Protein backbone atom coordinates (compact mmCIF):
# COMPACT_ATOMS: atom_id res chain seq x y z
CA UNK A 1 -11.99 7.81 -5.09
CA UNK A 2 -12.94 3.85 -6.23
CA UNK A 3 -15.92 4.91 -7.64
CA UNK A 4 -14.72 8.18 -9.22
CA UNK A 5 -12.03 6.34 -10.80
CA UNK A 6 -13.98 2.96 -11.59
CA UNK A 7 -11.79 0.33 -9.87
CA UNK A 8 -13.36 -2.56 -7.74
CA UNK A 9 -11.64 -5.57 -7.00
CA UNK A 10 -13.25 -6.68 -10.24
CA UNK A 11 -11.26 -4.25 -12.27
CA UNK A 12 -8.44 -6.30 -14.42
CA UNK A 13 -5.01 -4.60 -14.91
CA UNK A 14 -5.80 -1.81 -12.76
CA UNK A 15 -5.37 -1.02 -9.15
CA UNK A 16 -5.31 1.45 -6.48
CA UNK A 17 -3.11 1.27 -3.29
CA UNK A 18 -5.13 2.73 -0.33
CA UNK A 19 -4.65 2.88 3.47
CA UNK A 20 -6.53 0.01 5.45
CA UNK A 21 -7.75 2.19 7.60
CA UNK A 22 -9.28 5.86 7.73
CA UNK A 23 -6.86 7.70 9.88
CA UNK A 24 -4.58 10.61 8.68
CA UNK A 25 -1.73 9.20 7.06
CA UNK A 26 1.35 10.34 8.52
CA UNK A 27 3.26 12.07 5.48
CA UNK A 28 6.88 10.75 6.42
CA UNK A 29 5.41 7.03 7.14
CA UNK A 30 3.60 7.13 3.58
CA UNK A 31 6.68 8.90 1.91
CA UNK A 32 9.01 5.76 3.20
CA UNK A 33 6.01 3.33 2.27
CA UNK A 34 5.57 4.64 -1.21
CA UNK A 35 9.38 4.47 -1.63
CA UNK A 36 9.46 0.81 -0.43
CA UNK A 37 6.76 -0.43 -2.61
CA UNK A 38 8.92 1.27 -5.48
CA UNK A 39 11.97 -0.52 -4.55
CA UNK A 40 10.03 -3.94 -4.31
CA UNK A 41 8.05 -3.46 -7.79
CA UNK A 42 11.85 -2.46 -9.35
CA UNK A 43 13.17 -5.56 -7.86
CA UNK A 44 10.95 -7.76 -9.55
CA UNK A 45 7.82 -8.37 -6.76
CA UNK A 46 4.54 -8.27 -8.20
CA UNK A 47 1.94 -4.99 -6.20
CA UNK A 48 0.86 -7.25 -3.71
CA UNK A 49 3.94 -8.34 -2.86
CA UNK A 50 5.60 -5.43 -2.94
CA UNK A 51 2.92 -3.58 -0.54
CA UNK A 52 3.04 -6.44 1.67
CA UNK A 53 6.73 -6.28 2.22
CA UNK A 54 6.41 -2.29 2.52
CA UNK A 55 3.70 -2.81 4.97
CA UNK A 56 6.12 -5.22 7.05
CA UNK A 57 9.05 -2.32 7.01
CA UNK A 58 6.88 0.00 8.12
CA UNK A 59 5.72 -2.19 11.30
CA UNK A 60 9.29 -2.66 12.08
CA UNK A 61 9.81 1.21 12.47
CA UNK A 62 9.05 3.17 15.37
CA UNK A 63 7.43 6.60 14.15
CA UNK A 64 6.90 9.89 15.65
CA UNK A 65 4.81 12.89 15.34
CA UNK A 66 6.00 16.52 15.10
CA UNK A 67 5.52 16.32 18.94
CA UNK A 68 7.81 13.34 19.52
CA UNK A 69 4.33 10.92 20.05
CA UNK A 70 4.59 7.90 18.67
CA UNK A 71 2.77 7.14 16.09
CA UNK A 72 1.57 3.53 14.98
CA UNK A 73 2.07 2.23 11.70
CA UNK A 74 -0.04 2.40 8.87
CA UNK A 75 -0.69 -0.27 6.69
CA UNK A 76 -1.66 0.38 2.75
CA UNK A 77 -3.75 -2.38 0.66
CA UNK A 78 -4.26 -3.10 -2.87
CA UNK A 79 -7.64 -2.62 -4.43
CA UNK A 80 -8.52 -3.78 -7.87
CA UNK A 81 -6.55 -6.38 -10.71
CA UNK A 82 -8.88 -8.97 -9.02
CA UNK A 83 -11.82 -10.42 -8.22
CA UNK A 84 -10.44 -12.72 -5.48
CA UNK A 85 -9.17 -10.54 -2.34
CA UNK A 86 -6.62 -12.64 -1.57
CA UNK A 87 -4.73 -12.14 -4.94
CA UNK A 88 -5.16 -8.46 -5.64
CA UNK A 89 -2.44 -7.14 -7.36
CA UNK A 90 -0.72 -9.94 -8.21
CA UNK A 91 -1.25 -9.43 -11.86
CA UNK A 92 0.68 -6.13 -11.60
CA UNK A 93 4.02 -6.02 -12.56
CA UNK A 94 6.52 -2.82 -12.68
């Protein structure tokens, strides 16, 4: 996906939000995370801050699959917008 869109950690002004691991993404959890990211972006946080805060929100809830089994929280990460991996997404605001 990164090579197809041409976004790497050195890309300025553009970023991707991707899961930190390669497991399947629970759709309810993913929707919740995206809504939280949007809420944080519209409140004035940059992309990295929004993703970090949303990851904290997701980790603070107990998630279940359709069979009632507990699903571990899935964190997202920012790829792009900076060559410095510690500041990914800091230049992107809503």
